[in-house]
Amino acid sequence: MGSMFERPLVELVEEYNPQAHPIVGPLLAGGPAALVERYDLPHEETYVDACHLCYEARVMLRQRFPKWLTPDQMYGEGLD
């Protein structure tokens, strides 16, 4: 949605369009597999579960969408 440090929450909520979001849109349309397909990501044949696939896909997309795939701690970075 964005940062409440940059814009008021009421604006973020009013202007949020999940279908147009580069990460949320594909997830809503078809889950993690749709995210992999949309961005033509390399992937394994099997995963432990859908959460595992989603996490791996988001890790691969972090450089492309740094504004949306944060905070770093969610991906094991910046913990020291």
C-alpha atoms as a PDB file:
ATOM      1  CA  MET A   1       0.000   0.000   0.000  1.00  0.00           C
ATOM      2  CA  GLY A   2       2.765   2.392   0.867  1.00  0.00           C
ATOM      3  CA  SER A   3       4.338   4.000   3.884  1.00  0.00           C
ATOM      4  CA  MET A   4       2.449   5.802   6.629  1.00  0.00           C
ATOM      5  CA  PHE A   5       5.682   7.728   7.195  1.00  0.00           C
ATOM      6  CA  GLU A   6       5.216   9.270   3.748  1.00  0.00           C
ATOM      7  CA  ARG A   7       1.413   9.574   3.412  1.00  0.00           C
ATOM      8  CA  PRO A   8      -1.586   9.430   5.754  1.00  0.00           C
ATOM      9  CA  LEU A   9      -3.194   6.004   6.192  1.00  0.00           C
ATOM     10  CA  VAL A  10      -6.543   7.302   4.956  1.00  0.00           C
ATOM     11  CA  GLU A  11      -4.949   8.252   1.606  1.00  0.00           C
ATOM     12  CA  LEU A  12      -3.170   4.918   1.307  1.00  0.00           C
ATOM     13  CA  VAL A  13      -6.423   3.019   1.853  1.00  0.00           C
ATOM     14  CA  GLU A  14      -8.492   5.226  -0.457  1.00  0.00           C
ATOM     15  CA  GLU A  15      -6.039   4.937  -3.340  1.00  0.00           C
ATOM     16  CA  TYR A  16      -5.094   1.271  -2.939  1.00  0.00           C
ATOM     17  CA  ASN A  17      -5.989  -0.944  -5.901  1.00  0.00           C
ATOM     18  CA  PRO A  18      -4.809  -4.481  -5.107  1.00  0.00           C
ATOM     19  CA  GLN A  19      -5.455  -5.792  -8.642  1.00  0.00           C
ATOM     20  CA  ALA A  20      -3.058  -3.186 -10.063  1.00  0.00           C
ATOM     21  CA  HIS A  21      -0.322  -3.905  -7.499  1.00  0.00           C
ATOM     22  CA  PRO A  22       2.701  -5.663  -9.088  1.00  0.00           C
ATOM     23  CA  ILE A  23       2.875  -8.302  -6.326  1.00  0.00           C
ATOM     24  CA  VAL A  24      -0.606  -8.487  -4.814  1.00  0.00           C
ATOM     25  CA  GLY A  25      -2.379  -8.463  -8.201  1.00  0.00           C
ATOM     26  CA  PRO A  26      -0.897 -11.739  -9.455  1.00  0.00           C
ATOM     27  CA  LEU A  27      -1.273 -13.347  -6.018  1.00  0.00           C
ATOM     28  CA  LEU A  28      -4.975 -12.488  -5.973  1.00  0.00           C
ATOM     29  CA  ALA A  29      -5.426 -13.709  -9.531  1.00  0.00           C
ATOM     30  CA  GLY A  30      -3.826 -17.112  -9.065  1.00  0.00           C
ATOM     31  CA  GLY A  31      -1.651 -17.413  -5.989  1.00  0.00           C
ATOM     32  CA  PRO A  32       2.117 -17.829  -5.981  1.00  0.00           C
ATOM     33  CA  ALA A  33       2.084 -19.757  -9.272  1.00  0.00           C
ATOM     34  CA  ALA A  34       0.603 -16.693 -10.994  1.00  0.00           C
ATOM     35  CA  LEU A  35       3.404 -14.558  -9.562  1.00  0.00           C
ATOM     36  CA  VAL A  36       5.978 -16.978 -11.018  1.00  0.00           C
ATOM     37  CA  GLU A  37       4.206 -17.016 -14.388  1.00  0.00           C
ATOM     38  CA  ARG A  38       3.715 -13.232 -14.569  1.00  0.00           C
ATOM     39  CA  TYR A  39       7.422 -12.542 -14.134  1.00  0.00           C
ATOM     40  CA  ASP A  40       8.709 -15.726 -15.803  1.00  0.00           C
ATOM     41  CA  LEU A  41      10.690 -16.720 -12.713  1.00  0.00           C
ATOM     42  CA  PRO A  42      12.809 -19.850 -12.576  1.00  0.00           C
ATOM     43  CA  HIS A  43      11.302 -22.399 -10.214  1.00  0.00           C
ATOM     44  CA  GLU A  44      11.562 -25.919  -8.849  1.00  0.00           C
ATOM     45  CA  GLU A  45       9.160 -28.719  -9.711  1.00  0.00           C
ATOM     46  CA  THR A  46       7.869 -28.997  -6.141  1.00  0.00           C
ATOM     47  CA  TYR A  47       7.778 -26.916  -2.962  1.00  0.00           C
ATOM     48  CA  VAL A  48       6.909 -27.719   0.638  1.00  0.00           C
ATOM     49  CA  ASP A  49       3.753 -25.608   0.271  1.00  0.00           C
ATOM     50  CA  ALA A  50       2.390 -22.502  -1.455  1.00  0.00           C
ATOM     51  CA  CYS A  51       4.015 -20.270   1.180  1.00  0.00           C
ATOM     52  CA  HIS A  52       7.428 -21.673   0.271  1.00  0.00           C
ATOM     53  CA  LEU A  53       6.890 -20.914  -3.430  1.00  0.00           C
ATOM     54  CA  CYS A  54       5.598 -17.430  -2.620  1.00  0.00           C
ATOM     55  CA  TYR A  55       8.603 -16.641  -0.425  1.00  0.00           C
ATOM     56  CA  GLU A  56      11.086 -17.871  -3.042  1.00  0.00           C
ATOM     57  CA  ALA A  57       9.344 -15.868  -5.784  1.00  0.00           C
ATOM     58  CA  ARG A  58       9.353 -12.709  -3.664  1.00  0.00           C
ATOM     59  CA  VAL A  59      13.056 -13.134  -2.886  1.00  0.00           C
ATOM     60  CA  MET A  60      13.768 -13.267  -6.623  1.00  0.00           C
ATOM     61  CA  LEU A  61      11.665 -10.134  -7.189  1.00  0.00           C
ATOM     62  CA  ARG A  62      13.104  -8.001  -4.376  1.00  0.00           C
ATOM     63  CA  GLN A  63      15.599  -6.139  -6.574  1.00  0.00           C
ATOM     64  CA  ARG A  64      12.897  -5.436  -9.129  1.00  0.00           C
ATOM     65  CA  PHE A  65      10.330  -4.239  -6.556  1.00  0.00           C
ATOM     66  CA  PRO A  66      12.295  -2.920  -3.552  1.00  0.00           C
ATOM     67  CA  LYS A  67       9.522  -0.471  -2.672  1.00  0.00           C
ATOM     68  CA  TRP A  68       7.006  -3.273  -2.166  1.00  0.00           C
ATOM     69  CA  LEU A  69       9.030  -6.232  -0.913  1.00  0.00           C
ATOM     70  CA  THR A  70      10.172  -4.932   2.444  1.00  0.00           C
ATOM     71  CA  PRO A  71      11.259  -4.825   5.228  1.00  0.00           C
ATOM     72  CA  ASP A  72      14.665  -6.447   4.811  1.00  0.00           C
ATOM     73  CA  GLN A  73      14.202  -8.378   8.073  1.00  0.00           C
ATOM     74  CA  MET A  74      11.430 -10.420   6.437  1.00  0.00           C
ATOM     75  CA  TYR A  75      14.089 -11.814   4.120  1.00  0.00           C
ATOM     76  CA  GLY A  76      16.807 -12.406   6.711  1.00  0.00           C
ATOM     77  CA  GLU A  77      18.719  -9.200   5.959  1.00  0.00           C
ATOM     78  CA  GLY A  78      19.655  -6.340   8.259  1.00  0.00           C
ATOM     79  CA  LEU A  79      19.384  -8.461  11.396  1.00  0.00           C
ATOM     80  CA  ASP A  80      22.782  -7.586  12.823  1.00  0.00           C
END
